[in-house]
Amino acid sequence: MGSALNLSLTDELRAFVDSNCGDGTLYATPSEFVRDVLREKKERIEAAGARDAILDGYQDAIAGRSVKFEGNLRKLLDDKNDSRSAS
Protein backbone atom coordinates (compact mmCIF):
# COMPACT_ATOMS: atom_id res chain seq x y z
CA MET A 1 0.00 0.00 0.00
CA GLY A 2 1.28 3.52 0.74
CA SER A 3 3.48 5.01 3.35
CA ALA A 4 2.55 6.09 6.85
CA LEU A 5 1.88 9.69 7.78
CA ASN A 6 1.64 10.88 11.36
CA LEU A 7 -0.57 13.89 12.02
CA SER A 8 -0.97 16.18 14.98
CA LEU A 9 -4.59 17.23 15.41
CA THR A 10 -6.25 19.75 17.63
CA ASP A 11 -8.62 18.31 20.22
CA GLU A 12 -11.54 19.58 18.13
CA LEU A 13 -10.32 17.83 14.96
CA ARG A 14 -9.55 14.62 16.82
CA ALA A 15 -13.08 14.61 18.25
CA PHE A 16 -14.44 15.15 14.74
CA VAL A 17 -12.44 12.21 13.38
CA ASP A 18 -13.45 10.01 16.31
CA SER A 19 -17.12 10.90 15.87
CA ASN A 20 -16.98 9.74 12.25
CA CYS A 21 -15.46 6.31 12.77
CA GLY A 22 -16.21 3.25 14.81
CA ASP A 23 -19.48 1.54 15.64
CA GLY A 24 -22.53 3.03 13.96
CA THR A 25 -20.52 5.05 11.44
CA LEU A 26 -19.48 4.61 7.84
CA TYR A 27 -15.79 4.15 8.69
CA ALA A 28 -14.24 1.44 10.84
CA THR A 29 -11.02 3.31 11.56
CA PRO A 30 -9.73 6.89 11.65
CA SER A 31 -7.40 6.00 8.76
CA GLU A 32 -10.35 5.04 6.53
CA PHE A 33 -12.11 8.30 7.38
CA VAL A 34 -9.06 10.50 6.75
CA ARG A 35 -8.26 8.73 3.46
CA ASP A 36 -11.82 9.28 2.25
CA VAL A 37 -11.77 12.95 3.25
CA LEU A 38 -8.50 13.39 1.34
CA ARG A 39 -9.92 11.62 -1.73
CA GLU A 40 -12.97 13.89 -1.66
CA LYS A 41 -10.75 16.97 -1.41
CA LYS A 42 -8.63 15.76 -4.35
CA GLU A 43 -11.76 15.18 -6.44
CA ARG A 44 -13.08 18.68 -5.60
CA ILE A 45 -9.77 20.24 -6.68
CA GLU A 46 -9.75 18.26 -9.94
CA ALA A 47 -13.41 19.16 -10.62
CA ALA A 48 -12.66 22.83 -10.01
CA GLY A 49 -9.82 22.63 -12.53
CA ALA A 50 -12.12 21.05 -15.10
CA ARG A 51 -14.79 23.71 -14.47
CA ASP A 52 -12.20 26.46 -14.88
CA ALA A 53 -11.01 24.95 -18.17
CA ILE A 54 -14.60 24.73 -19.44
CA LEU A 55 -15.28 28.34 -18.45
CA ASP A 56 -12.06 29.42 -20.18
CA GLY A 57 -13.27 27.61 -23.30
CA TYR A 58 -16.63 29.37 -23.14
CA GLN A 59 -14.90 32.72 -22.74
CA ASP A 60 -12.71 31.96 -25.77
CA ALA A 61 -15.80 31.07 -27.80
CA ILE A 62 -17.63 34.23 -26.70
CA ALA A 63 -14.58 36.33 -27.62
CA GLY A 64 -14.32 34.67 -31.02
CA ARG A 65 -11.09 32.86 -30.18
CA SER A 66 -12.10 29.55 -31.66
CA VAL A 67 -11.43 27.46 -34.73
CA LYS A 68 -13.97 25.23 -36.42
CA PHE A 69 -13.08 21.58 -35.81
CA GLU A 70 -13.24 19.65 -39.07
CA GLY A 71 -12.15 16.27 -37.70
CA ASN A 72 -13.85 13.31 -36.10
CA LEU A 73 -13.95 13.86 -32.34
CA ARG A 74 -15.24 10.33 -31.62
CA LYS A 75 -12.30 8.80 -33.56
CA LEU A 76 -9.85 11.14 -31.86
CA LEU A 77 -11.11 10.09 -28.42
CA ASP A 78 -11.18 6.40 -29.37
CA ASP A 79 -7.60 6.60 -30.68
CA LYS A 80 -6.49 8.30 -27.46
CA ASN A 81 -8.16 5.61 -25.35
CA ASP A 82 -6.62 2.87 -27.50
CA SER A 83 -3.13 4.32 -27.00
CA ARG A 84 -3.68 4.38 -23.22
CA SER A 85 -4.77 0.75 -23.25
CA ALA A 86 -1.63 -0.27 -25.12
CA SER A 87 0.60 1.35 -22.49
PDB file of N, CA and C in Angstrom:
ATOM      1  N   MET A   1       0.848  -1.179   0.000  1.00  0.00           N
ATOM      2  CA  MET A   1       0.000   0.000   0.000  1.00  0.00           C
ATOM      3  C   MET A   1       0.888   1.235   0.000  1.00  0.00           C
ATOM      4  N   GLY A   2       0.525   2.275   0.715  1.00  0.00           N
ATOM      5  CA  GLY A   2       1.277   3.517   0.739  1.00  0.00           C
ATOM      6  C   GLY A   2       2.172   3.605   1.949  1.00  0.00           C
ATOM      7  N   SER A   3       2.631   4.789   2.198  1.00  0.00           N
ATOM      8  CA  SER A   3       3.484   5.008   3.355  1.00  0.00           C
ATOM      9  C   SER A   3       2.688   5.646   4.488  1.00  0.00           C
ATOM     10  N   ALA A   4       3.226   5.549   5.667  1.00  0.00           N
ATOM     11  CA  ALA A   4       2.549   6.086   6.851  1.00  0.00           C
ATOM     12  C   ALA A   4       2.769   7.590   6.947  1.00  0.00           C
ATOM     13  N   LEU A   5       1.800   8.252   7.545  1.00  0.00           N
ATOM     14  CA  LEU A   5       1.881   9.685   7.781  1.00  0.00           C
ATOM     15  C   LEU A   5       1.316   9.953   9.167  1.00  0.00           C
ATOM     16  N   ASN A   6       2.105  10.544  10.022  1.00  0.00           N
ATOM     17  CA  ASN A   6       1.635  10.880  11.365  1.00  0.00           C
ATOM     18  C   ASN A   6       1.166  12.325  11.381  1.00  0.00           C
ATOM     19  N   LEU A   7       0.013  12.556  11.971  1.00  0.00           N
ATOM     20  CA  LEU A   7      -0.568  13.894  12.023  1.00  0.00           C
ATOM     21  C   LEU A   7      -0.799  14.321  13.457  1.00  0.00           C
ATOM     22  N   SER A   8      -0.587  15.591  13.698  1.00  0.00           N
ATOM     23  CA  SER A   8      -0.965  16.179  14.984  1.00  0.00           C
ATOM     24  C   SER A   8      -2.269  16.926  14.759  1.00  0.00           C
ATOM     25  N   LEU A   9      -3.279  16.605  15.550  1.00  0.00           N
ATOM     26  CA  LEU A   9      -4.587  17.231  15.414  1.00  0.00           C
ATOM     27  C   LEU A   9      -4.939  18.007  16.672  1.00  0.00           C
ATOM     28  N   THR A  10      -5.713  19.054  16.471  1.00  0.00           N
ATOM     29  CA  THR A  10      -6.250  19.751  17.634  1.00  0.00           C
ATOM     30  C   THR A  10      -7.270  18.826  18.293  1.00  0.00           C
ATOM     31  N   ASP A  11      -7.615  19.119  19.526  1.00  0.00           N
ATOM     32  CA  ASP A  11      -8.625  18.308  20.219  1.00  0.00           C
ATOM     33  C   ASP A  11      -9.946  18.309  19.448  1.00  0.00           C
ATOM     34  N   GLU A  12     -10.295  19.455  18.885  1.00  0.00           N
ATOM     35  CA  GLU A  12     -11.541  19.578  18.129  1.00  0.00           C
ATOM     36  C   GLU A  12     -11.522  18.670  16.885  1.00  0.00           C
ATOM     37  N   LEU A  13     -10.408  18.682  16.139  1.00  0.00           N
ATOM     38  CA  LEU A  13     -10.317  17.832  14.956  1.00  0.00           C
ATOM     39  C   LEU A  13     -10.283  16.358  15.327  1.00  0.00           C
ATOM     40  N   ARG A  14      -9.588  16.026  16.391  1.00  0.00           N
ATOM     41  CA  ARG A  14      -9.546  14.619  16.821  1.00  0.00           C
ATOM     42  C   ARG A  14     -10.951  14.137  17.204  1.00  0.00           C
ATOM     43  N   ALA A  15     -11.708  14.979  17.883  1.00  0.00           N
ATOM     44  CA  ALA A  15     -13.075  14.613  18.247  1.00  0.00           C
ATOM     45  C   ALA A  15     -13.936  14.433  16.991  1.00  0.00           C
ATOM     46  N   PHE A  16     -13.716  15.274  15.994  1.00  0.00           N
ATOM     47  CA  PHE A  16     -14.443  15.153  14.735  1.00  0.00           C
ATOM     48  C   PHE A  16     -14.127  13.825  14.052  1.00  0.00           C
ATOM     49  N   VAL A  17     -12.849  13.480  13.972  1.00  0.00           N
ATOM     50  CA  VAL A  17     -12.441  12.208  13.378  1.00  0.00           C
ATOM     51  C   VAL A  17     -13.055  11.056  14.162  1.00  0.00           C
ATOM     52  N   ASP A  18     -12.925  11.097  15.473  1.00  0.00           N
ATOM     53  CA  ASP A  18     -13.453  10.015  16.310  1.00  0.00           C
ATOM     54  C   ASP A  18     -14.964   9.859  16.166  1.00  0.00           C
ATOM     55  N   SER A  19     -15.664  10.975  15.986  1.00  0.00           N
ATOM     56  CA  SER A  19     -17.124  10.900  15.874  1.00  0.00           C
ATOM     57  C   SER A  19     -17.572  10.326  14.525  1.00  0.00           C
ATOM     58  N   ASN A  20     -16.644  10.241  13.574  1.00  0.00           N
ATOM     59  CA  ASN A  20     -16.981   9.742  12.248  1.00  0.00           C
ATOM     60  C   ASN A  20     -16.454   8.347  11.963  1.00  0.00           C
ATOM     61  N   CYS A  21     -15.936   7.676  12.972  1.00  0.00           N
ATOM     62  CA  CYS A  21     -15.463   6.309  12.768  1.00  0.00           C
ATOM     63  C   CYS A  21     -15.766   5.464  13.992  1.00  0.00           C
ATOM     64  N   GLY A  22     -15.875   4.178  13.734  1.00  0.00           N
ATOM     65  CA  GLY A  22     -16.208   3.253  14.807  1.00  0.00           C
ATOM     66  C   GLY A  22     -17.615   2.723  14.647  1.00  0.00           C
ATOM     67  N   ASP A  23     -18.140   2.139  15.689  1.00  0.00           N
ATOM     68  CA  ASP A  23     -19.480   1.541  15.643  1.00  0.00           C
ATOM     69  C   ASP A  23     -20.537   2.569  15.258  1.00  0.00           C
ATOM     70  N   GLY A  24     -21.422   2.166  14.359  1.00  0.00           N
ATOM     71  CA  GLY A  24     -22.527   3.029  13.956  1.00  0.00           C
ATOM     72  C   GLY A  24     -22.150   4.108  12.966  1.00  0.00           C
ATOM     73  N   THR A  25     -20.945   4.053  12.413  1.00  0.00           N
ATOM     74  CA  THR A  25     -20.525   5.052  11.438  1.00  0.00           C
ATOM     75  C   THR A  25     -20.146   4.355  10.134  1.00  0.00           C
ATOM     76  N   LEU A  26     -19.844   5.130   9.150  1.00  0.00           N
ATOM     77  CA  LEU A  26     -19.477   4.605   7.837  1.00  0.00           C
ATOM     78  C   LEU A  26     -18.058   4.047   7.817  1.00  0.00           C
ATOM     79  N   TYR A  27     -17.207   4.503   8.706  1.00  0.00           N
ATOM     80  CA  TYR A  27     -15.786   4.146   8.692  1.00  0.00           C
ATOM     81  C   TYR A  27     -15.418   3.340   9.932  1.00  0.00           C
ATOM     82  N   ALA A  28     -14.656   2.278   9.718  1.00  0.00           N
ATOM     83  CA  ALA A  28     -14.241   1.436  10.835  1.00  0.00           C
ATOM     84  C   ALA A  28     -13.084   2.044  11.605  1.00  0.00           C
ATOM     85  N   THR A  29     -12.219   2.776  10.905  1.00  0.00           N
ATOM     86  CA  THR A  29     -11.015   3.315  11.556  1.00  0.00           C
ATOM     87  C   THR A  29     -10.821   4.782  11.191  1.00  0.00           C
ATOM     88  N   PRO A  30     -10.066   5.508  12.004  1.00  0.00           N
ATOM     89  CA  PRO A  30      -9.731   6.889  11.647  1.00  0.00           C
ATOM     90  C   PRO A  30      -8.984   6.974  10.313  1.00  0.00           C
ATOM     91  N   SER A  31      -8.141   5.992  10.023  1.00  0.00           N
ATOM     92  CA  SER A  31      -7.403   6.004   8.757  1.00  0.00           C
ATOM     93  C   SER A  31      -8.345   5.968   7.563  1.00  0.00           C
ATOM     94  N   GLU A  32      -9.377   5.111   7.625  1.00  0.00           N
ATOM     95  CA  GLU A  32     -10.349   5.043   6.531  1.00  0.00           C
ATOM     96  C   GLU A  32     -11.035   6.388   6.341  1.00  0.00           C
ATOM     97  N   PHE A  33     -11.425   7.006   7.444  1.00  0.00           N
ATOM     98  CA  PHE A  33     -12.108   8.296   7.381  1.00  0.00           C
ATOM     99  C   PHE A  33     -11.209   9.365   6.765  1.00  0.00           C
ATOM    100  N   VAL A  34      -9.982   9.473   7.241  1.00  0.00           N
ATOM    101  CA  VAL A  34      -9.064  10.505   6.749  1.00  0.00           C
ATOM    102  C   VAL A  34      -8.745  10.271   5.275  1.00  0.00           C
ATOM    103  N   ARG A  35      -8.525   9.014   4.873  1.00  0.00           N
ATOM    104  CA  ARG A  35      -8.260   8.727   3.459  1.00  0.00           C
ATOM    105  C   ARG A  35      -9.440   9.164   2.594  1.00  0.00           C
ATOM    106  N   ASP A  36     -10.650   8.901   3.033  1.00  0.00           N
ATOM    107  CA  ASP A  36     -11.819   9.283   2.251  1.00  0.00           C
ATOM    108  C   ASP A  36     -11.963  10.799   2.161  1.00  0.00           C
ATOM    109  N   VAL A  37     -11.715  11.486   3.259  1.00  0.00           N
ATOM    110  CA  VAL A  37     -11.770  12.953   3.254  1.00  0.00           C
ATOM    111  C   VAL A  37     -10.737  13.505   2.272  1.00  0.00           C
ATOM    112  N   LEU A  38      -9.541  12.929   2.262  1.00  0.00           N
ATOM    113  CA  LEU A  38      -8.498  13.389   1.342  1.00  0.00           C
ATOM    114  C   LEU A  38      -8.880  13.106  -0.116  1.00  0.00           C
ATOM    115  N   ARG A  39      -9.469  11.939  -0.367  1.00  0.00           N
ATOM    116  CA  ARG A  39      -9.918  11.624  -1.731  1.00  0.00           C
ATOM    117  C   ARG A  39     -10.983  12.613  -2.192  1.00  0.00           C
ATOM    118  N   GLU A  40     -11.928  12.929  -1.316  1.00  0.00           N
ATOM    119  CA  GLU A  40     -12.972  13.894  -1.660  1.00  0.00           C
ATOM    120  C   GLU A  40     -12.367  15.261  -1.979  1.00  0.00           C
ATOM    121  N   LYS A  41     -11.415  15.687  -1.186  1.00  0.00           N
ATOM    122  CA  LYS A  41     -10.752  16.971  -1.414  1.00  0.00           C
ATOM    123  C   LYS A  41     -10.041  16.971  -2.763  1.00  0.00           C
ATOM    124  N   LYS A  42      -9.333  15.888  -3.067  1.00  0.00           N
ATOM    125  CA  LYS A  42      -8.630  15.763  -4.346  1.00  0.00           C
ATOM    126  C   LYS A  42      -9.616  15.839  -5.504  1.00  0.00           C
ATOM    127  N   GLU A  43     -10.749  15.146  -5.394  1.00  0.00           N
ATOM    128  CA  GLU A  43     -11.765  15.178  -6.441  1.00  0.00           C
ATOM    129  C   GLU A  43     -12.341  16.579  -6.616  1.00  0.00           C
ATOM    130  N   ARG A  44     -12.566  17.304  -5.512  1.00  0.00           N
ATOM    131  CA  ARG A  44     -13.084  18.678  -5.605  1.00  0.00           C
ATOM    132  C   ARG A  44     -12.093  19.584  -6.320  1.00  0.00           C
ATOM    133  N   ILE A  45     -10.798  19.428  -6.023  1.00  0.00           N
ATOM    134  CA  ILE A  45      -9.772  20.241  -6.681  1.00  0.00           C
ATOM    135  C   ILE A  45      -9.727  19.937  -8.173  1.00  0.00           C
ATOM    136  N   GLU A  46      -9.774  18.643  -8.528  1.00  0.00           N
ATOM    137  CA  GLU A  46      -9.753  18.257  -9.941  1.00  0.00           C
ATOM    138  C   GLU A  46     -11.000  18.755 -10.657  1.00  0.00           C
ATOM    139  N   ALA A  47     -12.166  18.670 -10.014  1.00  0.00           N
ATOM    140  CA  ALA A  47     -13.406  19.156 -10.619  1.00  0.00           C
ATOM    141  C   ALA A  47     -13.354  20.664 -10.825  1.00  0.00           C
ATOM    142  N   ALA A  48     -12.791  21.374  -9.874  1.00  0.00           N
ATOM    143  CA  ALA A  48     -12.664  22.828 -10.009  1.00  0.00           C
ATOM    144  C   ALA A  48     -11.765  23.170 -11.197  1.00  0.00           C
ATOM    145  N   GLY A  49     -10.698  22.417 -11.375  1.00  0.00           N
ATOM    146  CA  GLY A  49      -9.819  22.633 -12.525  1.00  0.00           C
ATOM    147  C   GLY A  49     -10.537  22.393 -13.838  1.00  0.00           C
ATOM    148  N   ALA A  50     -11.344  21.343 -13.887  1.00  0.00           N
ATOM    149  CA  ALA A  50     -12.115  21.052 -15.102  1.00  0.00           C
ATOM    150  C   ALA A  50     -13.131  22.165 -15.365  1.00  0.00           C
ATOM    151  N   ARG A  51     -13.827  22.615 -14.305  1.00  0.00           N
ATOM    152  CA  ARG A  51     -14.794  23.713 -14.471  1.00  0.00           C
ATOM    153  C   ARG A  51     -14.101  24.968 -14.991  1.00  0.00           C
ATOM    154  N   ASP A  52     -12.934  25.286 -14.431  1.00  0.00           N
ATOM    155  CA  ASP A  52     -12.196  26.463 -14.878  1.00  0.00           C
ATOM    156  C   ASP A  52     -11.810  26.351 -16.346  1.00  0.00           C
ATOM    157  N   ALA A  53     -11.387  25.159 -16.769  1.00  0.00           N
ATOM    158  CA  ALA A  53     -11.012  24.955 -18.169  1.00  0.00           C
ATOM    159  C   ALA A  53     -12.228  25.113 -19.082  1.00  0.00           C
ATOM    160  N   ILE A  54     -13.365  24.597 -18.651  1.00  0.00           N
ATOM    161  CA  ILE A  54     -14.600  24.731 -19.440  1.00  0.00           C
ATOM    162  C   ILE A  54     -14.994  26.202 -19.544  1.00  0.00           C
ATOM    163  N   LEU A  55     -14.941  26.910 -18.417  1.00  0.00           N
ATOM    164  CA  LEU A  55     -15.278  28.343 -18.446  1.00  0.00           C
ATOM    165  C   LEU A  55     -14.317  29.120 -19.335  1.00  0.00           C
ATOM    166  N   ASP A  56     -13.034  28.777 -19.289  1.00  0.00           N
ATOM    167  CA  ASP A  56     -12.059  29.420 -20.183  1.00  0.00           C
ATOM    168  C   ASP A  56     -12.440  29.168 -21.639  1.00  0.00           C
ATOM    169  N   GLY A  57     -12.857  27.932 -21.938  1.00  0.00           N
ATOM    170  CA  GLY A  57     -13.273  27.610 -23.303  1.00  0.00           C
ATOM    171  C   GLY A  57     -14.486  28.416 -23.730  1.00  0.00           C
ATOM    172  N   TYR A  58     -15.459  28.547 -22.828  1.00  0.00           N
ATOM    173  CA  TYR A  58     -16.626  29.372 -23.140  1.00  0.00           C
ATOM    174  C   TYR A  58     -16.221  30.822 -23.395  1.00  0.00           C
ATOM    175  N   GLN A  59     -15.344  31.334 -22.554  1.00  0.00           N
ATOM    176  CA  GLN A  59     -14.899  32.718 -22.735  1.00  0.00           C
ATOM    177  C   GLN A  59     -14.184  32.888 -24.068  1.00  0.00           C
ATOM    178  N   ASP A  60     -13.372  31.908 -24.461  1.00  0.00           N
ATOM    179  CA  ASP A  60     -12.709  31.960 -25.768  1.00  0.00           C
ATOM    180  C   ASP A  60     -13.739  31.972 -26.891  1.00  0.00           C
ATOM    181  N   ALA A  61     -14.764  31.125 -26.766  1.00  0.00           N
ATOM    182  CA  ALA A  61     -15.795  31.068 -27.804  1.00  0.00           C
ATOM    183  C   ALA A  61     -16.557  32.388 -27.884  1.00  0.00           C
ATOM    184  N   ILE A  62     -16.909  32.956 -26.737  1.00  0.00           N
ATOM    185  CA  ILE A  62     -17.628  34.232 -26.701  1.00  0.00           C
ATOM    186  C   ILE A  62     -16.797  35.334 -27.341  1.00  0.00           C
ATOM    187  N   ALA A  63     -15.475  35.300 -27.097  1.00  0.00           N
ATOM    188  CA  ALA A  63     -14.578  36.332 -27.621  1.00  0.00           C
ATOM    189  C   ALA A  63     -14.167  36.061 -29.072  1.00  0.00           C
ATOM    190  N   GLY A  64     -14.661  34.963 -29.640  1.00  0.00           N
ATOM    191  CA  GLY A  64     -14.323  34.667 -31.025  1.00  0.00           C
ATOM    192  C   GLY A  64     -12.970  34.005 -31.202  1.00  0.00           C
ATOM    193  N   ARG A  65     -12.400  33.529 -30.106  1.00  0.00           N
ATOM    194  CA  ARG A  65     -11.092  32.860 -30.177  1.00  0.00           C
ATOM    195  C   ARG A  65     -11.301  31.351 -30.313  1.00  0.00           C
ATOM    196  N   SER A  66     -11.866  30.972 -31.436  1.00  0.00           N
ATOM    197  CA  SER A  66     -12.101  29.549 -31.664  1.00  0.00           C
ATOM    198  C   SER A  66     -11.861  29.224 -33.130  1.00  0.00           C
ATOM    199  N   VAL A  67     -11.658  27.955 -33.376  1.00  0.00           N
ATOM    200  CA  VAL A  67     -11.429  27.465 -34.730  1.00  0.00           C
ATOM    201  C   VAL A  67     -12.400  26.321 -34.963  1.00  0.00           C
ATOM    202  N   LYS A  68     -13.033  26.296 -36.116  1.00  0.00           N
ATOM    203  CA  LYS A  68     -13.968  25.229 -36.423  1.00  0.00           C
ATOM    204  C   LYS A  68     -13.218  23.907 -36.522  1.00  0.00           C
ATOM    205  N   PHE A  69     -13.702  22.908 -35.800  1.00  0.00           N
ATOM    206  CA  PHE A  69     -13.076  21.584 -35.811  1.00  0.00           C
ATOM    207  C   PHE A  69     -13.657  20.795 -36.972  1.00  0.00           C
ATOM    208  N   GLU A  70     -12.807  20.356 -37.867  1.00  0.00           N
ATOM    209  CA  GLU A  70     -13.244  19.647 -39.071  1.00  0.00           C
ATOM    210  C   GLU A  70     -13.025  18.143 -38.952  1.00  0.00           C
ATOM    211  N   GLY A  71     -12.500  17.679 -37.840  1.00  0.00           N
ATOM    212  CA  GLY A  71     -12.146  16.272 -37.696  1.00  0.00           C
ATOM    213  C   GLY A  71     -13.280  15.438 -37.131  1.00  0.00           C
ATOM    214  N   ASN A  72     -12.913  14.259 -36.676  1.00  0.00           N
ATOM    215  CA  ASN A  72     -13.855  13.307 -36.099  1.00  0.00           C
ATOM    216  C   ASN A  72     -13.504  13.159 -34.624  1.00  0.00           C
ATOM    217  N   LEU A  73     -14.248  13.849 -33.778  1.00  0.00           N
ATOM    218  CA  LEU A  73     -13.953  13.859 -32.345  1.00  0.00           C
ATOM    219  C   LEU A  73     -14.061  12.461 -31.748  1.00  0.00           C
ATOM    220  N   ARG A  74     -15.070  11.689 -32.144  1.00  0.00           N
ATOM    221  CA  ARG A  74     -15.238  10.328 -31.619  1.00  0.00           C
ATOM    222  C   ARG A  74     -13.996   9.489 -31.924  1.00  0.00           C
ATOM    223  N   LYS A  75     -13.488   9.571 -33.176  1.00  0.00           N
ATOM    224  CA  LYS A  75     -12.303   8.801 -33.561  1.00  0.00           C
ATOM    225  C   LYS A  75     -11.079   9.279 -32.777  1.00  0.00           C
ATOM    226  N   LEU A  76     -10.969  10.581 -32.610  1.00  0.00           N
ATOM    227  CA  LEU A  76      -9.847  11.139 -31.857  1.00  0.00           C
ATOM    228  C   LEU A  76      -9.841  10.617 -30.421  1.00  0.00           C
ATOM    229  N   LEU A  77     -11.014  10.600 -29.785  1.00  0.00           N
ATOM    230  CA  LEU A  77     -11.114  10.094 -28.417  1.00  0.00           C
ATOM    231  C   LEU A  77     -10.857   8.590 -28.362  1.00  0.00           C
ATOM    232  N   ASP A  78     -11.403   7.846 -29.333  1.00  0.00           N
ATOM    233  CA  ASP A  78     -11.177   6.400 -29.374  1.00  0.00           C
ATOM    234  C   ASP A  78      -9.697   6.085 -29.554  1.00  0.00           C
ATOM    235  N   ASP A  79      -9.035   6.815 -30.454  1.00  0.00           N
ATOM    236  CA  ASP A  79      -7.599   6.601 -30.681  1.00  0.00           C
ATOM    237  C   ASP A  79      -6.798   6.894 -29.415  1.00  0.00           C
ATOM    238  N   LYS A  80      -7.185   7.944 -28.706  1.00  0.00           N
ATOM    239  CA  LYS A  80      -6.491   8.304 -27.464  1.00  0.00           C
ATOM    240  C   LYS A  80      -6.678   7.195 -26.433  1.00  0.00           C
ATOM    241  N   ASN A  81      -7.899   6.684 -26.291  1.00  0.00           N
ATOM    242  CA  ASN A  81      -8.165   5.609 -25.352  1.00  0.00           C
ATOM    243  C   ASN A  81      -7.429   4.331 -25.740  1.00  0.00           C
ATOM    244  N   ASP A  82      -7.343   4.046 -27.043  1.00  0.00           N
ATOM    245  CA  ASP A  82      -6.616   2.867 -27.502  1.00  0.00           C
ATOM    246  C   ASP A  82      -5.134   2.960 -27.161  1.00  0.00           C
ATOM    247  N   SER A  83      -4.558   4.155 -27.307  1.00  0.00           N
ATOM    248  CA  SER A  83      -3.130   4.319 -27.002  1.00  0.00           C
ATOM    249  C   SER A  83      -2.870   4.174 -25.506  1.00  0.00           C
ATOM    250  N   ARG A  84      -3.824   4.563 -24.662  1.00  0.00           N
ATOM    251  CA  ARG A  84      -3.685   4.384 -23.216  1.00  0.00           C
ATOM    252  C   ARG A  84      -3.741   2.902 -22.852  1.00  0.00           C
ATOM    253  N   SER A  85      -4.617   2.176 -23.522  1.00  0.00           N
ATOM    254  CA  SER A  85      -4.774   0.750 -23.252  1.00  0.00           C
ATOM    255  C   SER A  85      -3.521  -0.028 -23.617  1.00  0.00           C
ATOM    256  N   ALA A  86      -2.833   0.417 -24.661  1.00  0.00           N
ATOM    257  CA  ALA A  86      -1.633  -0.271 -25.123  1.00  0.00           C
ATOM    258  C   ALA A  86      -0.448  -0.031 -24.195  1.00  0.00           C
ATOM    259  N   SER A  87      -0.526   1.002 -23.372  1.00  0.00           N
ATOM    260  CA  SER A  87       0.603   1.355 -22.487  1.00  0.00           C
ATOM    261  C   SER A  87       0.760   0.379 -21.363  1.00  0.00           C
TER     262      SER A  87
END
